[in-house]
Structure formats: structure tokens, C-alpha cells
C-alpha atoms as a PDB file:
ATOM      1  CA  UNK A   1      -7.708  -5.628  12.179  1.00  0.00           C
ATOM      2  CA  UNK A   2      -7.455  -6.214  15.976  1.00  0.00           C
ATOM      3  CA  UNK A   3      -4.707  -8.119  14.860  1.00  0.00           C
ATOM      4  CA  UNK A   4      -2.655  -5.604  13.356  1.00  0.00           C
ATOM      5  CA  UNK A   5      -3.267  -2.985  16.023  1.00  0.00           C
ATOM      6  CA  UNK A   6      -1.972  -5.886  18.452  1.00  0.00           C
ATOM      7  CA  UNK A   7       1.128  -6.260  16.351  1.00  0.00           C
ATOM      8  CA  UNK A   8       1.947  -2.787  16.014  1.00  0.00           C
ATOM      9  CA  UNK A   9       1.599  -2.299  19.948  1.00  0.00           C
ATOM     10  CA  UNK A  10       4.016  -5.018  20.682  1.00  0.00           C
ATOM     11  CA  UNK A  11       7.021  -4.638  18.696  1.00  0.00           C
ATOM     12  CA  UNK A  12       8.075  -4.045  15.004  1.00  0.00           C
ATOM     13  CA  UNK A  13       6.168  -6.101  12.502  1.00  0.00           C
ATOM     14  CA  UNK A  14       8.210  -8.277   9.868  1.00  0.00           C
ATOM     15  CA  UNK A  15       6.903  -5.875   7.006  1.00  0.00           C
ATOM     16  CA  UNK A  16       8.308  -2.872   8.635  1.00  0.00           C
ATOM     17  CA  UNK A  17      11.791  -2.692   7.100  1.00  0.00           C
ATOM     18  CA  UNK A  18      12.939   0.761   8.761  1.00  0.00           C
ATOM     19  CA  UNK A  19      12.742   2.096   5.246  1.00  0.00           C
ATOM     20  CA  UNK A  20      10.775   2.326   2.226  1.00  0.00           C
ATOM     21  CA  UNK A  21      10.386  -0.701  -0.088  1.00  0.00           C
ATOM     22  CA  UNK A  22      12.977  -0.647  -2.559  1.00  0.00           C
ATOM     23  CA  UNK A  23       9.923  -0.743  -5.277  1.00  0.00           C
ATOM     24  CA  UNK A  24       8.466   2.079  -4.171  1.00  0.00           C
ATOM     25  CA  UNK A  25      12.112   3.927  -4.682  1.00  0.00           C
ATOM     26  CA  UNK A  26      12.172   2.669  -8.048  1.00  0.00           C
ATOM     27  CA  UNK A  27       8.602   3.720  -8.800  1.00  0.00           C
ATOM     28  CA  UNK A  28       9.754   7.212  -7.724  1.00  0.00           C
ATOM     29  CA  UNK A  29      13.408   7.347  -9.552  1.00  0.00           C
ATOM     30  CA  UNK A  30      11.732   6.387 -13.035  1.00  0.00           C
ATOM     31  CA  UNK A  31       9.137   9.295 -12.564  1.00  0.00           C
ATOM     32  CA  UNK A  32       6.234   6.726 -11.937  1.00  0.00           C
ATOM     33  CA  UNK A  33       4.868   8.878  -9.009  1.00  0.00           C
ATOM     34  CA  UNK A  34       3.012  11.869  -9.722  1.00  0.00           C
ATOM     35  CA  UNK A  35       0.843  14.809  -7.795  1.00  0.00           C
ATOM     36  CA  UNK A  36      -0.869  14.120  -4.323  1.00  0.00           C
ATOM     37  CA  UNK A  37      -0.129  10.706  -3.220  1.00  0.00           C
ATOM     38  CA  UNK A  38      -2.441   8.300  -1.139  1.00  0.00           C
ATOM     39  CA  UNK A  39      -0.529   5.326   0.603  1.00  0.00           C
ATOM     40  CA  UNK A  40      -3.206   3.020   1.341  1.00  0.00           C
ATOM     41  CA  UNK A  41      -2.529   0.605   4.694  1.00  0.00           C
ATOM     42  CA  UNK A  42       0.507   2.693   5.258  1.00  0.00           C
ATOM     43  CA  UNK A  43       1.659   0.904   8.387  1.00  0.00           C
ATOM     44  CA  UNK A  44       4.431   3.142  10.109  1.00  0.00           C
ATOM     45  CA  UNK A  45       4.639   5.172   7.260  1.00  0.00           C
ATOM     46  CA  UNK A  46       8.036   4.379   5.677  1.00  0.00           C
ATOM     47  CA  UNK A  47       6.976   4.486   1.876  1.00  0.00           C
ATOM     48  CA  UNK A  48       4.960   7.789   2.687  1.00  0.00           C
ATOM     49  CA  UNK A  49       7.551   9.550   4.666  1.00  0.00           C
ATOM     50  CA  UNK A  50       9.911   8.781   1.476  1.00  0.00           C
ATOM     51  CA  UNK A  51       7.711  10.201  -0.784  1.00  0.00           C
ATOM     52  CA  UNK A  52       6.946  13.132   1.391  1.00  0.00           C
ATOM     53  CA  UNK A  53      10.836  13.725   1.554  1.00  0.00           C
ATOM     54  CA  UNK A  54      10.884  13.743  -2.399  1.00  0.00           C
ATOM     55  CA  UNK A  55       8.669  16.609  -2.135  1.00  0.00           C
ATOM     56  CA  UNK A  56       4.860  15.109  -2.834  1.00  0.00           C
ATOM     57  CA  UNK A  57       2.001  15.710  -0.980  1.00  0.00           C
ATOM     58  CA  UNK A  58       1.231  12.586   0.794  1.00  0.00           C
ATOM     59  CA  UNK A  59      -1.461  11.443   3.097  1.00  0.00           C
ATOM     60  CA  UNK A  60      -1.044   7.756   4.686  1.00  0.00           C
ATOM     61  CA  UNK A  61      -4.067   5.760   6.109  1.00  0.00           C
ATOM     62  CA  UNK A  62      -4.212   2.754   8.135  1.00  0.00           C
ATOM     63  CA  UNK A  63      -6.726   1.258   9.940  1.00  0.00           C
ATOM     64  CA  UNK A  64      -4.428   0.532  13.198  1.00  0.00           C
ATOM     65  CA  UNK A  65      -4.062   3.483  15.427  1.00  0.00           C
ATOM     66  CA  UNK A  66      -1.084   2.405  16.644  1.00  0.00           C
ATOM     67  CA  UNK A  67       0.722   2.293  13.479  1.00  0.00           C
ATOM     68  CA  UNK A  68      -0.568   5.662  12.667  1.00  0.00           C
ATOM     69  CA  UNK A  69       0.718   6.927  16.070  1.00  0.00           C
ATOM     70  CA  UNK A  70       4.374   5.503  15.031  1.00  0.00           C
ATOM     71  CA  UNK A  71       4.020   7.087  11.417  1.00  0.00           C
ATOM     72  CA  UNK A  72       3.222  10.518  13.069  1.00  0.00           C
ATOM     73  CA  UNK A  73       6.114  10.256  15.604  1.00  0.00           C
ATOM     74  CA  UNK A  74       8.561   9.249  12.721  1.00  0.00           C
ATOM     75  CA  UNK A  75       6.979  12.465  10.518  1.00  0.00           C
ATOM     76  CA  UNK A  76       7.803  14.646  13.761  1.00  0.00           C
ATOM     77  CA  UNK A  77      11.048  13.274  14.431  1.00  0.00           C
ATOM     78  CA  UNK A  78      12.393  13.534  10.782  1.00  0.00           C
ATOM     79  CA  UNK A  79      10.696  16.988  10.269  1.00  0.00           C
ATOM     80  CA  UNK A  80       8.739  15.787   7.028  1.00  0.00           C
ATOM     81  CA  UNK A  81       5.148  16.985   6.233  1.00  0.00           C
ATOM     82  CA  UNK A  82       3.213  14.050   5.477  1.00  0.00           C
ATOM     83  CA  UNK A  83      -0.417  13.774   7.007  1.00  0.00           C
ATOM     84  CA  UNK A  84      -1.325  10.350   8.540  1.00  0.00           C
ATOM     85  CA  UNK A  85      -4.693   9.207   9.501  1.00  0.00           C
ATOM     86  CA  UNK A  86      -6.659   6.087  11.093  1.00  0.00           C
ATOM     87  CA  UNK A  87      -8.958   5.315   8.653  1.00  0.00           C
ATOM     88  CA  UNK A  88     -10.508   2.176   6.780  1.00  0.00           C
ATOM     89  CA  UNK A  89      -9.673   1.297   3.463  1.00  0.00           C
ATOM     90  CA  UNK A  90     -13.093  -0.221   2.945  1.00  0.00           C
ATOM     91  CA  UNK A  91     -14.868   3.029   3.514  1.00  0.00           C
ATOM     92  CA  UNK A  92     -12.973   5.923   1.448  1.00  0.00           C
ATOM     93  CA  UNK A  93     -16.268   7.364  -0.213  1.00  0.00           C
ATOM     94  CA  UNK A  94     -16.710  10.275   2.316  1.00  0.00           C
ATOM     95  CA  UNK A  95     -12.876  11.049   2.612  1.00  0.00           C
ATOM     96  CA  UNK A  96     -13.310  14.670   1.159  1.00  0.00           C
ATOM     97  CA  UNK A  97     -10.134  14.352  -1.214  1.00  0.00           C
ATOM     98  CA  UNK A  98      -9.075  12.741  -4.404  1.00  0.00           C
ATOM     99  CA  UNK A  99      -5.421  11.762  -5.411  1.00  0.00           C
ATOM    100  CA  UNK A 100      -3.272  11.522  -8.468  1.00  0.00           C
ATOM    101  CA  UNK A 101      -1.414   8.639  -7.348  1.00  0.00           C
ATOM    102  CA  UNK A 102      -1.996   5.739  -4.898  1.00  0.00           C
ATOM    103  CA  UNK A 103       0.219   2.932  -3.443  1.00  0.00           C
ATOM    104  CA  UNK A 104      -0.530  -0.389  -1.453  1.00  0.00           C
ATOM    105  CA  UNK A 105       2.342  -2.056  -0.243  1.00  0.00           C
ATOM    106  CA  UNK A 106       0.819  -5.289   1.608  1.00  0.00           C
ATOM    107  CA  UNK A 107      -2.562  -4.526   2.339  1.00  0.00           C
ATOM    108  CA  UNK A 108      -4.226  -6.297  -0.689  1.00  0.00           C
ATOM    109  CA  UNK A 109      -2.995  -9.504  -0.076  1.00  0.00           C
ATOM    110  CA  UNK A 110      -4.617  -9.638   3.715  1.00  0.00           C
ATOM    111  CA  UNK A 111      -8.240  -8.787   2.071  1.00  0.00           C
ATOM    112  CA  UNK A 112     -10.863 -11.772   1.854  1.00  0.00           C
ATOM    113  CA  UNK A 113     -12.420 -12.225  -1.399  1.00  0.00           C
ATOM    114  CA  UNK A 114     -15.038 -10.844  -0.369  1.00  0.00           C
ATOM    115  CA  UNK A 115     -13.333  -7.369   0.498  1.00  0.00           C
ATOM    116  CA  UNK A 116     -11.499  -6.958  -2.430  1.00  0.00           C
ATOM    117  CA  UNK A 117     -14.535  -5.717  -4.870  1.00  0.00           C
ATOM    118  CA  UNK A 118     -15.066  -3.065  -2.084  1.00  0.00           C
ATOM    119  CA  UNK A 119     -11.375  -2.187  -1.422  1.00  0.00           C
ATOM    120  CA  UNK A 120     -11.472  -1.052  -5.548  1.00  0.00           C
ATOM    121  CA  UNK A 121     -14.674   0.661  -5.357  1.00  0.00           C
ATOM    122  CA  UNK A 122     -13.079   2.898  -2.400  1.00  0.00           C
ATOM    123  CA  UNK A 123     -10.142   3.632  -4.279  1.00  0.00           C
ATOM    124  CA  UNK A 124     -11.626   4.711  -7.254  1.00  0.00           C
ATOM    125  CA  UNK A 125     -13.852   7.107  -5.397  1.00  0.00           C
ATOM    126  CA  UNK A 126     -10.587   8.945  -4.115  1.00  0.00           C
ATOM    127  CA  UNK A 127      -7.817   8.346  -7.366  1.00  0.00           C
ATOM    128  CA  UNK A 128      -8.563  10.987  -9.894  1.00  0.00           C
ATOM    129  CA  UNK A 129      -9.559   9.651 -13.436  1.00  0.00           C
ATOM    130  CA  UNK A 130      -6.317   8.851 -15.238  1.00  0.00           C
ATOM    131  CA  UNK A 131      -4.905   8.342 -11.831  1.00  0.00           C
ATOM    132  CA  UNK A 132      -2.463   5.771 -11.198  1.00  0.00           C
ATOM    133  CA  UNK A 133      -2.590   2.678  -8.559  1.00  0.00           C
ATOM    134  CA  UNK A 134       0.575   0.609  -7.639  1.00  0.00           C
ATOM    135  CA  UNK A 135       0.024  -2.281  -5.656  1.00  0.00           C
ATOM    136  CA  UNK A 136       2.787  -4.649  -4.206  1.00  0.00           C
ATOM    137  CA  UNK A 137       1.234  -8.023  -3.036  1.00  0.00           C
ATOM    138  CA  UNK A 138       2.462 -11.184  -2.183  1.00  0.00           C
ATOM    139  CA  UNK A 139       2.536 -13.686  -5.441  1.00  0.00           C
ATOM    140  CA  UNK A 140       1.350 -17.215  -5.987  1.00  0.00           C
ATOM    141  CA  UNK A 141       5.034 -17.996  -7.088  1.00  0.00           C
ATOM    142  CA  UNK A 142       6.364 -17.465  -3.390  1.00  0.00           C
ATOM    143  CA  UNK A 143       7.078 -21.029  -2.017  1.00  0.00           C
ATOM    144  CA  UNK A 144       6.093 -22.317   1.357  1.00  0.00           C
ATOM    145  CA  UNK A 145       3.127 -23.726   3.390  1.00  0.00           C
ATOM    146  CA  UNK A 146       2.684 -21.119   5.750  1.00  0.00           C
ATOM    147  CA  UNK A 147      -1.100 -19.766   4.757  1.00  0.00           C
ATOM    148  CA  UNK A 148      -0.553 -15.728   5.591  1.00  0.00           C
ATOM    149  CA  UNK A 149      -0.530 -13.941   3.894  1.00  0.00           C
ATOM    150  CA  UNK A 150      -2.279 -15.380   1.233  1.00  0.00           C
ATOM    151  CA  UNK A 151      -0.218 -15.656  -2.444  1.00  0.00           C
ATOM    152  CA  UNK A 152      -2.248 -13.601  -4.978  1.00  0.00           C
ATOM    153  CA  UNK A 153      -2.926 -14.648  -8.639  1.00  0.00           C
ATOM    154  CA  UNK A 154      -2.638 -12.418 -11.751  1.00  0.00           C
ATOM    155  CA  UNK A 155      -6.383 -13.611 -12.532  1.00  0.00           C
ATOM    156  CA  UNK A 156      -7.324 -12.500  -8.792  1.00  0.00           C
ATOM    157  CA  UNK A 157      -5.861  -8.838  -9.666  1.00  0.00           C
ATOM    158  CA  UNK A 158      -7.226  -8.619 -13.118  1.00  0.00           C
ATOM    159  CA  UNK A 159     -10.825  -9.804 -11.499  1.00  0.00           C
ATOM    160  CA  UNK A 160     -10.790  -7.265  -8.676  1.00  0.00           C
ATOM    161  CA  UNK A 161      -9.670  -4.388 -11.063  1.00  0.00           C
ATOM    162  CA  UNK A 162     -11.881  -5.245 -14.122  1.00  0.00           C
ATOM    163  CA  UNK A 163     -14.486  -2.373 -13.609  1.00  0.00           C
ATOM    164  CA  UNK A 164     -13.341   1.302 -13.624  1.00  0.00           C
ATOM    165  CA  UNK A 165      -9.598   0.531 -13.956  1.00  0.00           C
ATOM    166  CA  UNK A 166      -7.316  -0.495 -16.746  1.00  0.00           C
ATOM    167  CA  UNK A 167      -4.360  -2.812 -15.900  1.00  0.00           C
ATOM    168  CA  UNK A 168      -1.090  -1.520 -17.374  1.00  0.00           C
ATOM    169  CA  UNK A 169       1.156  -4.213 -16.144  1.00  0.00           C
ATOM    170  CA  UNK A 170       1.584  -6.920 -13.478  1.00  0.00           C
ATOM    171  CA  UNK A 171       5.278  -7.865 -13.165  1.00  0.00           C
ATOM    172  CA  UNK A 172       6.969 -10.039 -10.937  1.00  0.00           C
ATOM    173  CA  UNK A 173       8.677  -7.969  -7.614  1.00  0.00           C
ATOM    174  CA  UNK A 174       9.876  -8.636  -4.602  1.00  0.00           C
ATOM    175  CA  UNK A 175       8.163  -7.726  -1.186  1.00  0.00           C
ATOM    176  CA  UNK A 176      11.039  -6.969   1.427  1.00  0.00           C
ATOM    177  CA  UNK A 177      10.385  -7.793   4.987  1.00  0.00           C
ATOM    178  CA  UNK A 178      12.669  -8.962   8.015  1.00  0.00           C
ATOM    179  CA  UNK A 179      12.023 -12.684   8.165  1.00  0.00           C
ATOM    180  CA  UNK A 180      14.028 -13.669   5.259  1.00  0.00           C
ATOM    181  CA  UNK A 181      16.914 -11.108   3.620  1.00  0.00           C
ATOM    182  CA  UNK A 182      15.714 -11.811   0.022  1.00  0.00           C
ATOM    183  CA  UNK A 183      12.246 -11.050   1.044  1.00  0.00           C
ATOM    184  CA  UNK A 184       9.074 -12.423  -0.535  1.00  0.00           C
ATOM    185  CA  UNK A 185       8.283 -13.182  -4.480  1.00  0.00           C
ATOM    186  CA  UNK A 186       5.471 -10.574  -5.142  1.00  0.00           C
ATOM    187  CA  UNK A 187       3.576  -8.966  -7.951  1.00  0.00           C
ATOM    188  CA  UNK A 188       3.964  -4.973  -8.776  1.00  0.00           C
ATOM    189  CA  UNK A 189       0.593  -4.120 -10.392  1.00  0.00           C
ATOM    190  CA  UNK A 190       0.150  -0.573 -12.146  1.00  0.00           C
ATOM    191  CA  UNK A 191      -3.163   0.021 -12.464  1.00  0.00           C
ATOM    192  CA  UNK A 192      -4.840   3.037 -14.079  1.00  0.00           C
ATOM    193  CA  UNK A 193      -8.407   4.762 -12.977  1.00  0.00           C
ATOM    194  CA  UNK A 194     -10.602   5.264 -15.791  1.00  0.00           C
END
């Protein structure tokens, strides 16, 4: 994760679009977000700040302290009461709190095959039974020959969230970034904790 710390220390990464991902705005407008929210891999906090501004109790976590410092500064500047913590998404079992909703906008597609089951177990430990997890990740439908971030298949999502989860949908979406105006092809998943 030193790579991500360096990216946040030396400028604005392409996935930081200066506002929430449009998919998150759409989910909130449709009433899909409920209760207390955990934003996993929150970066500089734009999704968490958007949701907190709509009245949700939100905690954003990221492994990059520089990202968390920027998120806290934004929250203070905007007068929004979201909490931001430097924490590892692969070690949430001792978090001491559970959530009704969790969102992941761009973390899952940077995890290795070996880390994904651990990630799913850790999310399950902090999401209440019946809670919803929304995940936006790069899709294997995205063209190009660059190796990162990895493109994810529906099968990979299904296999990662086979235990303790029910996948309600995996649908095409867009992951917006600053490199291309149209963003990237992505999957949006709604996954129920059971």
C-alpha cells in the first residue's frame, strides 16, 4: 500500500474526481443506502462526505494516512461530520462496530486473488446481518492493454462472495476518473450479508 500513500502525497490521483462517484449519488437517490455506512477504501472521502451530507452516519477507512488526512481536512472545511480512520480493510474483525451499509468504490479491483476471501470475511465481520454491500469495480468489459487496475469478471465476484453473502445483482456501470471523460466500464454489485 506504499504505492497509494505515495500517490496521495504527490498530487491528485485519477480516481479522485473531486466529488462522489455518480453511482453512489444514484444509489442514495434510489433509497438503496440505509443506516450507518462504512466506506471501505474511502480515499480522500468524497463518497463518504456526500453521504454524511445527506444525513447518514458515515465512517470512511483507508490504508493510506495521506488520503485520510485529506478526507479529514475536507470534512472540516465543509463542516461535515464524517469520521475518517487509517485502517486496513483486511483487518476489520476488531473494529468494534457494525454497519447497515458498506460501499467500496475502487478497492476490490486492486486486491490480489489471495486477498479477496480475506476481504470478504472482514467485511462480513462489520456488516450487520441483512446489511447491504455496494461494490464498484473495473469490469472485464473495459478494453485496453494496460495491466492495472485489473479487470474483474462476474465469476470472480460471485466466487469471492459465495459464503455468508447473497449477490442480489451485478450490473454494468461506469467508474468515473480523470483520465477519460467517459470513465471506465465497471460492475456495480449489491451484495446482502446473510
